[in-house]
Amino acid sequence: MFDPMSELSDESTSNESAPVEQDDKPAAQSQSGGGNGKFAQELSSVTIHARQRTFYIDLKESGHGKFFKVSEKSRGGQKTTIMFDSEDLEEFIKAFESMREFV
């Protein structure tokens, strides 16, 4: 199975307009962390500004397949990132939808 953590990079997306915005710029390649010479191509990116935090949702593709990278950056600069295979997207959507009734 594809290990999306192998594609983790230190890059940050800088999309500062509108609360939620789709980034339609051409895909760019970014060198992954780990220094193994592999590249992950960014296919799409969305930025969400929410209270004290900014969230970046990136769809990327490497030689191992497509994956999502979700990063949270607080005003203090602390950054947290999770990654998951694109094939698991429906499970994440179902989980969020099932929790919506509790909000």
PDB file of N, CA and C in Angstrom:
ATOM      1  N   MET A   1       0.839  -1.186   0.000  1.00  0.00           N
ATOM      2  CA  MET A   1       0.000   0.000   0.000  1.00  0.00           C
ATOM      3  C   MET A   1       0.878   1.242   0.000  1.00  0.00           C
ATOM      4  N   PHE A   2       0.422   2.236  -0.653  1.00  0.00           N
ATOM      5  CA  PHE A   2       1.112   3.514  -0.762  1.00  0.00           C
ATOM      6  C   PHE A   2       1.247   4.185   0.604  1.00  0.00           C
ATOM      7  N   ASP A   3       2.428   4.671   0.920  1.00  0.00           N
ATOM      8  CA  ASP A   3       2.673   5.390   2.170  1.00  0.00           C
ATOM      9  C   ASP A   3       2.741   6.879   1.861  1.00  0.00           C
ATOM     10  N   PRO A   4       1.641   7.632   2.092  1.00  0.00           N
ATOM     11  CA  PRO A   4       1.649   9.044   1.741  1.00  0.00           C
ATOM     12  C   PRO A   4       2.649   9.857   2.548  1.00  0.00           C
ATOM     13  N   MET A   5       3.071   9.378   3.699  1.00  0.00           N
ATOM     14  CA  MET A   5       4.035  10.117   4.509  1.00  0.00           C
ATOM     15  C   MET A   5       5.378  10.235   3.799  1.00  0.00           C
ATOM     16  N   SER A   6       5.641   9.334   2.846  1.00  0.00           N
ATOM     17  CA  SER A   6       6.894   9.422   2.105  1.00  0.00           C
ATOM     18  C   SER A   6       6.919  10.657   1.211  1.00  0.00           C
ATOM     19  N   GLU A   7       5.759  11.272   0.986  1.00  0.00           N
ATOM     20  CA  GLU A   7       5.655  12.442   0.120  1.00  0.00           C
ATOM     21  C   GLU A   7       5.572  13.746   0.904  1.00  0.00           C
ATOM     22  N   LEU A   8       5.655  13.694   2.236  1.00  0.00           N
ATOM     23  CA  LEU A   8       5.537  14.890   3.059  1.00  0.00           C
ATOM     24  C   LEU A   8       6.656  15.861   2.752  1.00  0.00           C
ATOM     25  N   SER A   9       6.292  17.099   2.485  1.00  0.00           N
ATOM     26  CA  SER A   9       7.305  18.112   2.201  1.00  0.00           C
ATOM     27  C   SER A   9       7.117  19.298   3.116  1.00  0.00           C
ATOM     28  N   ASP A  10       8.099  20.181   3.148  1.00  0.00           N
ATOM     29  CA  ASP A  10       8.066  21.362   3.992  1.00  0.00           C
ATOM     30  C   ASP A  10       7.414  22.546   3.299  1.00  0.00           C
ATOM     31  N   GLU A  11       6.846  22.340   2.134  1.00  0.00           N
ATOM     32  CA  GLU A  11       6.231  23.434   1.399  1.00  0.00           C
ATOM     33  C   GLU A  11       4.965  23.886   2.096  1.00  0.00           C
ATOM     34  N   SER A  12       4.583  25.115   1.868  1.00  0.00           N
ATOM     35  CA  SER A  12       3.302  25.606   2.358  1.00  0.00           C
ATOM     36  C   SER A  12       2.612  26.323   1.222  1.00  0.00           C
ATOM     37  N   THR A  13       1.292  26.202   1.197  1.00  0.00           N
ATOM     38  CA  THR A  13       0.513  26.843   0.163  1.00  0.00           C
ATOM     39  C   THR A  13       0.203  28.259   0.607  1.00  0.00           C
ATOM     40  N   SER A  14       0.346  29.214  -0.261  1.00  0.00           N
ATOM     41  CA  SER A  14       0.056  30.595   0.111  1.00  0.00           C
ATOM     42  C   SER A  14      -1.076  31.130  -0.740  1.00  0.00           C
ATOM     43  N   ASN A  15      -2.267  30.795  -0.359  1.00  0.00           N
ATOM     44  CA  ASN A  15      -3.456  31.253  -1.042  1.00  0.00           C
ATOM     45  C   ASN A  15      -4.252  32.054  -0.026  1.00  0.00           C
ATOM     46  N   GLU A  16      -4.182  33.375  -0.047  1.00  0.00           N
ATOM     47  CA  GLU A  16      -4.686  34.203   1.027  1.00  0.00           C
ATOM     48  C   GLU A  16      -6.015  34.895   0.736  1.00  0.00           C
ATOM     49  N   SER A  17      -6.739  34.571  -0.319  1.00  0.00           N
ATOM     50  CA  SER A  17      -7.978  35.267  -0.601  1.00  0.00           C
ATOM     51  C   SER A  17      -9.177  34.378  -0.339  1.00  0.00           C
ATOM     52  N   ALA A  18     -10.292  34.994   0.038  1.00  0.00           N
ATOM     53  CA  ALA A  18     -11.575  34.346   0.258  1.00  0.00           C
ATOM     54  C   ALA A  18     -11.507  33.230   1.285  1.00  0.00           C
ATOM     55  N   PRO A  19     -12.598  33.014   2.021  1.00  0.00           N
ATOM     56  CA  PRO A  19     -12.599  31.970   3.046  1.00  0.00           C
ATOM     57  C   PRO A  19     -12.303  30.579   2.497  1.00  0.00           C
ATOM     58  N   VAL A  20     -12.859  30.245   1.345  1.00  0.00           N
ATOM     59  CA  VAL A  20     -12.559  28.965   0.708  1.00  0.00           C
ATOM     60  C   VAL A  20     -12.338  29.258  -0.763  1.00  0.00           C
ATOM     61  N   GLU A  21     -11.211  28.839  -1.284  1.00  0.00           N
ATOM     62  CA  GLU A  21     -10.911  29.151  -2.676  1.00  0.00           C
ATOM     63  C   GLU A  21     -10.284  27.954  -3.362  1.00  0.00           C
ATOM     64  N   GLN A  22     -10.750  27.672  -4.559  1.00  0.00           N
ATOM     65  CA  GLN A  22     -10.172  26.628  -5.391  1.00  0.00           C
ATOM     66  C   GLN A  22      -9.009  27.226  -6.151  1.00  0.00           C
ATOM     67  N   ASP A  23      -7.866  26.589  -6.114  1.00  0.00           N
ATOM     68  CA  ASP A  23      -6.685  27.082  -6.816  1.00  0.00           C
ATOM     69  C   ASP A  23      -6.605  26.393  -8.164  1.00  0.00           C
ATOM     70  N   ASP A  24      -6.822  27.148  -9.242  1.00  0.00           N
ATOM     71  CA  ASP A  24      -6.835  26.569 -10.582  1.00  0.00           C
ATOM     72  C   ASP A  24      -5.537  26.784 -11.337  1.00  0.00           C
ATOM     73  N   LYS A  25      -4.462  27.126 -10.629  1.00  0.00           N
ATOM     74  CA  LYS A  25      -3.188  27.340 -11.304  1.00  0.00           C
ATOM     75  C   LYS A  25      -2.648  26.016 -11.828  1.00  0.00           C
ATOM     76  N   PRO A  26      -1.769  26.047 -12.813  1.00  0.00           N
ATOM     77  CA  PRO A  26      -1.205  24.809 -13.357  1.00  0.00           C
ATOM     78  C   PRO A  26      -0.502  24.005 -12.271  1.00  0.00           C
ATOM     79  N   ALA A  27      -0.543  22.711 -12.424  1.00  0.00           N
ATOM     80  CA  ALA A  27       0.093  21.832 -11.443  1.00  0.00           C
ATOM     81  C   ALA A  27       1.590  22.090 -11.399  1.00  0.00           C
ATOM     82  N   ALA A  28       2.116  22.071 -10.194  1.00  0.00           N
ATOM     83  CA  ALA A  28       3.552  22.288 -10.010  1.00  0.00           C
ATOM     84  C   ALA A  28       4.147  21.101  -9.286  1.00  0.00           C
ATOM     85  N   GLN A  29       5.371  20.784  -9.594  1.00  0.00           N
ATOM     86  CA  GLN A  29       6.034  19.692  -8.909  1.00  0.00           C
ATOM     87  C   GLN A  29       6.760  20.234  -7.701  1.00  0.00           C
ATOM     88  N   SER A  30       6.742  19.431  -6.636  1.00  0.00           N
ATOM     89  CA  SER A  30       7.452  19.831  -5.427  1.00  0.00           C
ATOM     90  C   SER A  30       8.273  18.655  -4.947  1.00  0.00           C
ATOM     91  N   GLN A  31       9.485  18.921  -4.573  1.00  0.00           N
ATOM     92  CA  GLN A  31      10.341  17.843  -4.106  1.00  0.00           C
ATOM     93  C   GLN A  31       9.868  17.402  -2.743  1.00  0.00           C
ATOM     94  N   SER A  32       9.801  16.108  -2.533  1.00  0.00           N
ATOM     95  CA  SER A  32       9.323  15.582  -1.267  1.00  0.00           C
ATOM     96  C   SER A  32      10.417  15.610  -0.230  1.00  0.00           C
ATOM     97  N   GLY A  33       9.989  15.544   1.025  1.00  0.00           N
ATOM     98  CA  GLY A  33      10.953  15.431   2.109  1.00  0.00           C
ATOM     99  C   GLY A  33      11.597  14.064   2.068  1.00  0.00           C
ATOM    100  N   GLY A  34      12.654  13.882   2.774  1.00  0.00           N
ATOM    101  CA  GLY A  34      13.327  12.596   2.794  1.00  0.00           C
ATOM    102  C   GLY A  34      14.480  12.527   1.829  1.00  0.00           C
ATOM    103  N   GLY A  35      14.558  13.433   0.881  1.00  0.00           N
ATOM    104  CA  GLY A  35      15.701  13.510  -0.017  1.00  0.00           C
ATOM    105  C   GLY A  35      15.901  12.313  -0.916  1.00  0.00           C
ATOM    106  N   ASN A  36      14.819  11.568  -1.226  1.00  0.00           N
ATOM    107  CA  ASN A  36      14.977  10.391  -2.065  1.00  0.00           C
ATOM    108  C   ASN A  36      14.768  10.698  -3.544  1.00  0.00           C
ATOM    109  N   GLY A  37      14.594  11.983  -3.904  1.00  0.00           N
ATOM    110  CA  GLY A  37      14.498  12.359  -5.303  1.00  0.00           C
ATOM    111  C   GLY A  37      13.131  12.154  -5.928  1.00  0.00           C
ATOM    112  N   LYS A  38      12.129  11.670  -5.191  1.00  0.00           N
ATOM    113  CA  LYS A  38      10.791  11.475  -5.727  1.00  0.00           C
ATOM    114  C   LYS A  38      10.066  12.808  -5.761  1.00  0.00           C
ATOM    115  N   PHE A  39       9.081  12.918  -6.637  1.00  0.00           N
ATOM    116  CA  PHE A  39       8.320  14.146  -6.756  1.00  0.00           C
ATOM    117  C   PHE A  39       6.839  13.839  -6.613  1.00  0.00           C
ATOM    118  N   ALA A  40       6.129  14.753  -5.987  1.00  0.00           N
ATOM    119  CA  ALA A  40       4.676  14.691  -5.911  1.00  0.00           C
ATOM    120  C   ALA A  40       4.151  15.904  -6.654  1.00  0.00           C
ATOM    121  N   GLN A  41       3.256  15.680  -7.571  1.00  0.00           N
ATOM    122  CA  GLN A  41       2.696  16.768  -8.357  1.00  0.00           C
ATOM    123  C   GLN A  41       1.403  17.233  -7.707  1.00  0.00           C
ATOM    124  N   GLU A  42       1.262  18.532  -7.504  1.00  0.00           N
ATOM    125  CA  GLU A  42       0.040  19.083  -6.926  1.00  0.00           C
ATOM    126  C   GLU A  42      -1.008  19.196  -8.018  1.00  0.00           C
ATOM    127  N   LEU A  43      -2.161  18.543  -7.803  1.00  0.00           N
ATOM    128  CA  LEU A  43      -3.232  18.553  -8.788  1.00  0.00           C
ATOM    129  C   LEU A  43      -4.266  19.629  -8.490  1.00  0.00           C
ATOM    130  N   SER A  44      -4.513  19.866  -7.199  1.00  0.00           N
ATOM    131  CA  SER A  44      -5.500  20.856  -6.793  1.00  0.00           C
ATOM    132  C   SER A  44      -5.218  21.263  -5.359  1.00  0.00           C
ATOM    133  N   SER A  45      -5.631  22.478  -5.006  1.00  0.00           N
ATOM    134  CA  SER A  45      -5.394  22.967  -3.655  1.00  0.00           C
ATOM    135  C   SER A  45      -6.524  23.897  -3.240  1.00  0.00           C
ATOM    136  N   VAL A  46      -6.972  23.768  -1.995  1.00  0.00           N
ATOM    137  CA  VAL A  46      -8.007  24.627  -1.434  1.00  0.00           C
ATOM    138  C   VAL A  46      -7.497  25.145  -0.100  1.00  0.00           C
ATOM    139  N   THR A  47      -7.733  26.431   0.172  1.00  0.00           N
ATOM    140  CA  THR A  47      -7.343  27.038   1.437  1.00  0.00           C
ATOM    141  C   THR A  47      -8.596  27.464   2.186  1.00  0.00           C
ATOM    142  N   ILE A  48      -8.653  27.151   3.476  1.00  0.00           N
ATOM    143  CA  ILE A  48      -9.778  27.534   4.328  1.00  0.00           C
ATOM    144  C   ILE A  48      -9.236  28.354   5.487  1.00  0.00           C
ATOM    145  N   HIS A  49      -9.751  29.573   5.639  1.00  0.00           N
ATOM    146  CA  HIS A  49      -9.371  30.425   6.766  1.00  0.00           C
ATOM    147  C   HIS A  49     -10.476  30.301   7.810  1.00  0.00           C
ATOM    148  N   ALA A  50     -10.137  29.799   8.996  1.00  0.00           N
ATOM    149  CA  ALA A  50     -11.120  29.571  10.047  1.00  0.00           C
ATOM    150  C   ALA A  50     -10.575  30.050  11.385  1.00  0.00           C
ATOM    151  N   ARG A  51     -11.152  31.102  11.908  1.00  0.00           N
ATOM    152  CA  ARG A  51     -10.764  31.683  13.199  1.00  0.00           C
ATOM    153  C   ARG A  51      -9.265  31.886  13.302  1.00  0.00           C
ATOM    154  N   GLN A  52      -8.609  31.176  14.183  1.00  0.00           N
ATOM    155  CA  GLN A  52      -7.176  31.353  14.448  1.00  0.00           C
ATOM    156  C   GLN A  52      -6.300  30.439  13.591  1.00  0.00           C
ATOM    157  N   ARG A  53      -6.897  29.696  12.660  1.00  0.00           N
ATOM    158  CA  ARG A  53      -6.134  28.701  11.909  1.00  0.00           C
ATOM    159  C   ARG A  53      -6.379  28.831  10.406  1.00  0.00           C
ATOM    160  N   THR A  54      -5.451  28.301   9.652  1.00  0.00           N
ATOM    161  CA  THR A  54      -5.601  28.189   8.204  1.00  0.00           C
ATOM    162  C   THR A  54      -5.408  26.723   7.851  1.00  0.00           C
ATOM    163  N   PHE A  55      -6.309  26.194   7.038  1.00  0.00           N
ATOM    164  CA  PHE A  55      -6.235  24.802   6.602  1.00  0.00           C
ATOM    165  C   PHE A  55      -5.924  24.770   5.111  1.00  0.00           C
ATOM    166  N   TYR A  56      -5.045  23.867   4.726  1.00  0.00           N
ATOM    167  CA  TYR A  56      -4.681  23.661   3.326  1.00  0.00           C
ATOM    168  C   TYR A  56      -5.044  22.226   2.972  1.00  0.00           C
ATOM    169  N   ILE A  57      -5.855  22.057   1.940  1.00  0.00           N
ATOM    170  CA  ILE A  57      -6.230  20.722   1.472  1.00  0.00           C
ATOM    171  C   ILE A  57      -5.668  20.577   0.066  1.00  0.00           C
ATOM    172  N   ASP A  58      -4.708  19.685  -0.082  1.00  0.00           N
ATOM    173  CA  ASP A  58      -4.031  19.487  -1.363  1.00  0.00           C
ATOM    174  C   ASP A  58      -4.280  18.081  -1.883  1.00  0.00           C
ATOM    175  N   LEU A  59      -4.581  17.978  -3.165  1.00  0.00           N
ATOM    176  CA  LEU A  59      -4.629  16.689  -3.846  1.00  0.00           C
ATOM    177  C   LEU A  59      -3.336  16.588  -4.631  1.00  0.00           C
ATOM    178  N   LYS A  60      -2.585  15.541  -4.367  1.00  0.00           N
ATOM    179  CA  LYS A  60      -1.289  15.356  -5.023  1.00  0.00           C
ATOM    180  C   LYS A  60      -1.234  13.985  -5.678  1.00  0.00           C
ATOM    181  N   GLU A  61      -0.255  13.838  -6.565  1.00  0.00           N
ATOM    182  CA  GLU A  61      -0.050  12.551  -7.228  1.00  0.00           C
ATOM    183  C   GLU A  61       1.441  12.284  -7.323  1.00  0.00           C
ATOM    184  N   SER A  62       1.796  11.061  -7.008  1.00  0.00           N
ATOM    185  CA  SER A  62       3.184  10.623  -7.155  1.00  0.00           C
ATOM    186  C   SER A  62       3.158   9.339  -7.975  1.00  0.00           C
ATOM    187  N   GLY A  63       4.275   8.720  -8.106  1.00  0.00           N
ATOM    188  CA  GLY A  63       4.350   7.453  -8.820  1.00  0.00           C
ATOM    189  C   GLY A  63       3.550   6.348  -8.144  1.00  0.00           C
ATOM    190  N   HIS A  64       3.189   6.574  -6.878  1.00  0.00           N
ATOM    191  CA  HIS A  64       2.430   5.580  -6.119  1.00  0.00           C
ATOM    192  C   HIS A  64       0.928   5.807  -6.199  1.00  0.00           C
ATOM    193  N   GLY A  65       0.491   6.919  -6.773  1.00  0.00           N
ATOM    194  CA  GLY A  65      -0.930   7.206  -6.888  1.00  0.00           C
ATOM    195  C   GLY A  65      -1.288   8.561  -6.312  1.00  0.00           C
ATOM    196  N   LYS A  66      -2.601   8.823  -6.254  1.00  0.00           N
ATOM    197  CA  LYS A  66      -3.099  10.100  -5.748  1.00  0.00           C
ATOM    198  C   LYS A  66      -3.318  10.023  -4.240  1.00  0.00           C
ATOM    199  N   PHE A  67      -3.104  11.169  -3.578  1.00  0.00           N
ATOM    200  CA  PHE A  67      -3.324  11.227  -2.135  1.00  0.00           C
ATOM    201  C   PHE A  67      -3.671  12.646  -1.726  1.00  0.00           C
ATOM    202  N   PHE A  68      -4.302  12.760  -0.557  1.00  0.00           N
ATOM    203  CA  PHE A  68      -4.654  14.053   0.008  1.00  0.00           C
ATOM    204  C   PHE A  68      -3.688  14.402   1.119  1.00  0.00           C
ATOM    205  N   LYS A  69      -3.340  15.663   1.179  1.00  0.00           N
ATOM    206  CA  LYS A  69      -2.505  16.197   2.251  1.00  0.00           C
ATOM    207  C   LYS A  69      -3.306  17.334   2.877  1.00  0.00           C
ATOM    208  N   VAL A  70      -3.667  17.188   4.151  1.00  0.00           N
ATOM    209  CA  VAL A  70      -4.437  18.199   4.869  1.00  0.00           C
ATOM    210  C   VAL A  70      -3.536  18.771   5.946  1.00  0.00           C
ATOM    211  N   SER A  71      -3.269  20.074   5.864  1.00  0.00           N
ATOM    212  CA  SER A  71      -2.385  20.734   6.823  1.00  0.00           C
ATOM    213  C   SER A  71      -3.144  21.825   7.549  1.00  0.00           C
ATOM    214  N   GLU A  72      -2.839  21.975   8.828  1.00  0.00           N
ATOM    215  CA  GLU A  72      -3.404  23.035   9.643  1.00  0.00           C
ATOM    216  C   GLU A  72      -2.250  23.880  10.151  1.00  0.00           C
ATOM    217  N   LYS A  73      -2.381  25.186  10.010  1.00  0.00           N
ATOM    218  CA  LYS A  73      -1.348  26.084  10.523  1.00  0.00           C
ATOM    219  C   LYS A  73      -2.021  27.101  11.432  1.00  0.00           C
ATOM    220  N   SER A  74      -1.561  27.174  12.687  1.00  0.00           N
ATOM    221  CA  SER A  74      -2.131  28.125  13.633  1.00  0.00           C
ATOM    222  C   SER A  74      -1.431  29.466  13.491  1.00  0.00           C
ATOM    223  N   ARG A  75      -2.001  30.491  14.105  1.00  0.00           N
ATOM    224  CA  ARG A  75      -1.377  31.820  14.049  1.00  0.00           C
ATOM    225  C   ARG A  75       0.011  31.805  14.660  1.00  0.00           C
ATOM    226  N   GLY A  76       0.236  30.931  15.631  1.00  0.00           N
ATOM    227  CA  GLY A  76       1.544  30.820  16.256  1.00  0.00           C
ATOM    228  C   GLY A  76       2.568  30.127  15.382  1.00  0.00           C
ATOM    229  N   GLY A  77       2.144  29.632  14.224  1.00  0.00           N
ATOM    230  CA  GLY A  77       3.061  29.011  13.286  1.00  0.00           C
ATOM    231  C   GLY A  77       3.170  27.502  13.405  1.00  0.00           C
ATOM    232  N   GLN A  78       2.492  26.921  14.396  1.00  0.00           N
ATOM    233  CA  GLN A  78       2.544  25.469  14.555  1.00  0.00           C
ATOM    234  C   GLN A  78       1.779  24.810  13.408  1.00  0.00           C
ATOM    235  N   LYS A  79       2.355  23.752  12.835  1.00  0.00           N
ATOM    236  CA  LYS A  79       1.763  23.091  11.679  1.00  0.00           C
ATOM    237  C   LYS A  79       1.555  21.605  11.964  1.00  0.00           C
ATOM    238  N   THR A  80       0.376  21.117  11.598  1.00  0.00           N
ATOM    239  CA  THR A  80       0.038  19.706  11.729  1.00  0.00           C
ATOM    240  C   THR A  80      -0.447  19.221  10.366  1.00  0.00           C
ATOM    241  N   THR A  81      -0.029  18.025   9.971  1.00  0.00           N
ATOM    242  CA  THR A  81      -0.396  17.497   8.657  1.00  0.00           C
ATOM    243  C   THR A  81      -0.845  16.049   8.769  1.00  0.00           C
ATOM    244  N   ILE A  82      -1.921  15.718   8.051  1.00  0.00           N
ATOM    245  CA  ILE A  82      -2.305  14.318   7.877  1.00  0.00           C
ATOM    246  C   ILE A  82      -2.360  14.054   6.379  1.00  0.00           C
ATOM    247  N   MET A  83      -2.183  12.793   6.014  1.00  0.00           N
ATOM    248  CA  MET A  83      -2.233  12.397   4.613  1.00  0.00           C
ATOM    249  C   MET A  83      -3.022  11.100   4.512  1.00  0.00           C
ATOM    250  N   PHE A  84      -3.770  10.961   3.408  1.00  0.00           N
ATOM    251  CA  PHE A  84      -4.493   9.715   3.181  1.00  0.00           C
ATOM    252  C   PHE A  84      -4.670   9.490   1.687  1.00  0.00           C
ATOM    253  N   ASP A  85      -4.793   8.219   1.321  1.00  0.00           N
ATOM    254  CA  ASP A  85      -4.965   7.834  -0.082  1.00  0.00           C
ATOM    255  C   ASP A  85      -6.280   8.382  -0.626  1.00  0.00           C
ATOM    256  N   SER A  86      -6.310   8.732  -1.889  1.00  0.00           N
ATOM    257  CA  SER A  86      -7.528   9.259  -2.506  1.00  0.00           C
ATOM    258  C   SER A  86      -8.659   8.233  -2.476  1.00  0.00           C
ATOM    259  N   GLU A  87      -8.315   6.957  -2.472  1.00  0.00           N
ATOM    260  CA  GLU A  87      -9.349   5.919  -2.429  1.00  0.00           C
ATOM    261  C   GLU A  87     -10.122   5.935  -1.108  1.00  0.00           C
ATOM    262  N   ASP A  88      -9.594   6.599  -0.078  1.00  0.00           N
ATOM    263  CA  ASP A  88     -10.259   6.673   1.222  1.00  0.00           C
ATOM    264  C   ASP A  88     -11.109   7.931   1.376  1.00  0.00           C
ATOM    265  N   LEU A  89     -11.192   8.775   0.362  1.00  0.00           N
ATOM    266  CA  LEU A  89     -11.927  10.033   0.455  1.00  0.00           C
ATOM    267  C   LEU A  89     -13.384   9.821   0.846  1.00  0.00           C
ATOM    268  N   GLU A  90     -14.058   8.866   0.239  1.00  0.00           N
ATOM    269  CA  GLU A  90     -15.476   8.634   0.536  1.00  0.00           C
ATOM    270  C   GLU A  90     -15.703   8.318   2.009  1.00  0.00           C
ATOM    271  N   GLU A  91     -14.799   7.574   2.627  1.00  0.00           N
ATOM    272  CA  GLU A  91     -14.927   7.255   4.055  1.00  0.00           C
ATOM    273  C   GLU A  91     -14.807   8.517   4.907  1.00  0.00           C
ATOM    274  N   PHE A  92     -13.904   9.421   4.542  1.00  0.00           N
ATOM    275  CA  PHE A  92     -13.772  10.686   5.271  1.00  0.00           C
ATOM    276  C   PHE A  92     -15.031  11.530   5.096  1.00  0.00           C
ATOM    277  N   ILE A  93     -15.561  11.595   3.879  1.00  0.00           N
ATOM    278  CA  ILE A  93     -16.783  12.361   3.625  1.00  0.00           C
ATOM    279  C   ILE A  93     -17.937  11.792   4.438  1.00  0.00           C
ATOM    280  N   LYS A  94     -18.101  10.478   4.444  1.00  0.00           N
ATOM    281  CA  LYS A  94     -19.172   9.844   5.224  1.00  0.00           C
ATOM    282  C   LYS A  94     -19.028  10.149   6.708  1.00  0.00           C
ATOM    283  N   ALA A  95     -17.807  10.106   7.216  1.00  0.00           N
ATOM    284  CA  ALA A  95     -17.572  10.383   8.637  1.00  0.00           C
ATOM    285  C   ALA A  95     -17.960  11.819   8.979  1.00  0.00           C
ATOM    286  N   PHE A  96     -17.566  12.783   8.147  1.00  0.00           N
ATOM    287  CA  PHE A  96     -17.930  14.183   8.397  1.00  0.00           C
ATOM    288  C   PHE A  96     -19.441  14.384   8.303  1.00  0.00           C
ATOM    289  N   GLU A  97     -20.076  13.763   7.313  1.00  0.00           N
ATOM    290  CA  GLU A  97     -21.523  13.902   7.168  1.00  0.00           C
ATOM    291  C   GLU A  97     -22.262  13.310   8.360  1.00  0.00           C
ATOM    292  N   SER A  98     -21.783  12.190   8.888  1.00  0.00           N
ATOM    293  CA  SER A  98     -22.451  11.578  10.040  1.00  0.00           C
ATOM    294  C   SER A  98     -22.282  12.426  11.299  1.00  0.00           C
ATOM    295  N   MET A  99     -21.231  13.225  11.375  1.00  0.00           N
ATOM    296  CA  MET A  99     -20.998  14.081  12.537  1.00  0.00           C
ATOM    297  C   MET A  99     -21.714  15.425  12.426  1.00  0.00           C
ATOM    298  N   ARG A 100     -22.148  15.778  11.228  1.00  0.00           N
ATOM    299  CA  ARG A 100     -22.794  17.073  11.004  1.00  0.00           C
ATOM    300  C   ARG A 100     -24.000  17.284  11.917  1.00  0.00           C
ATOM    301  N   GLU A 101     -24.771  16.242  12.176  1.00  0.00           N
ATOM    302  CA  GLU A 101     -25.975  16.385  13.001  1.00  0.00           C
ATOM    303  C   GLU A 101     -25.660  16.761  14.448  1.00  0.00           C
ATOM    304  N   PHE A 102     -24.431  16.587  14.888  1.00  0.00           N
ATOM    305  CA  PHE A 102     -24.046  16.907  16.258  1.00  0.00           C
ATOM    306  C   PHE A 102     -23.490  18.322  16.404  1.00  0.00           C
ATOM    307  N   VAL A 103     -23.336  19.017  15.292  1.00  0.00           N
ATOM    308  CA  VAL A 103     -22.755  20.371  15.332  1.00  0.00           C
ATOM    309  C   VAL A 103     -23.843  21.398  15.567  1.00  0.00           C
TER     310      VAL A 103
END
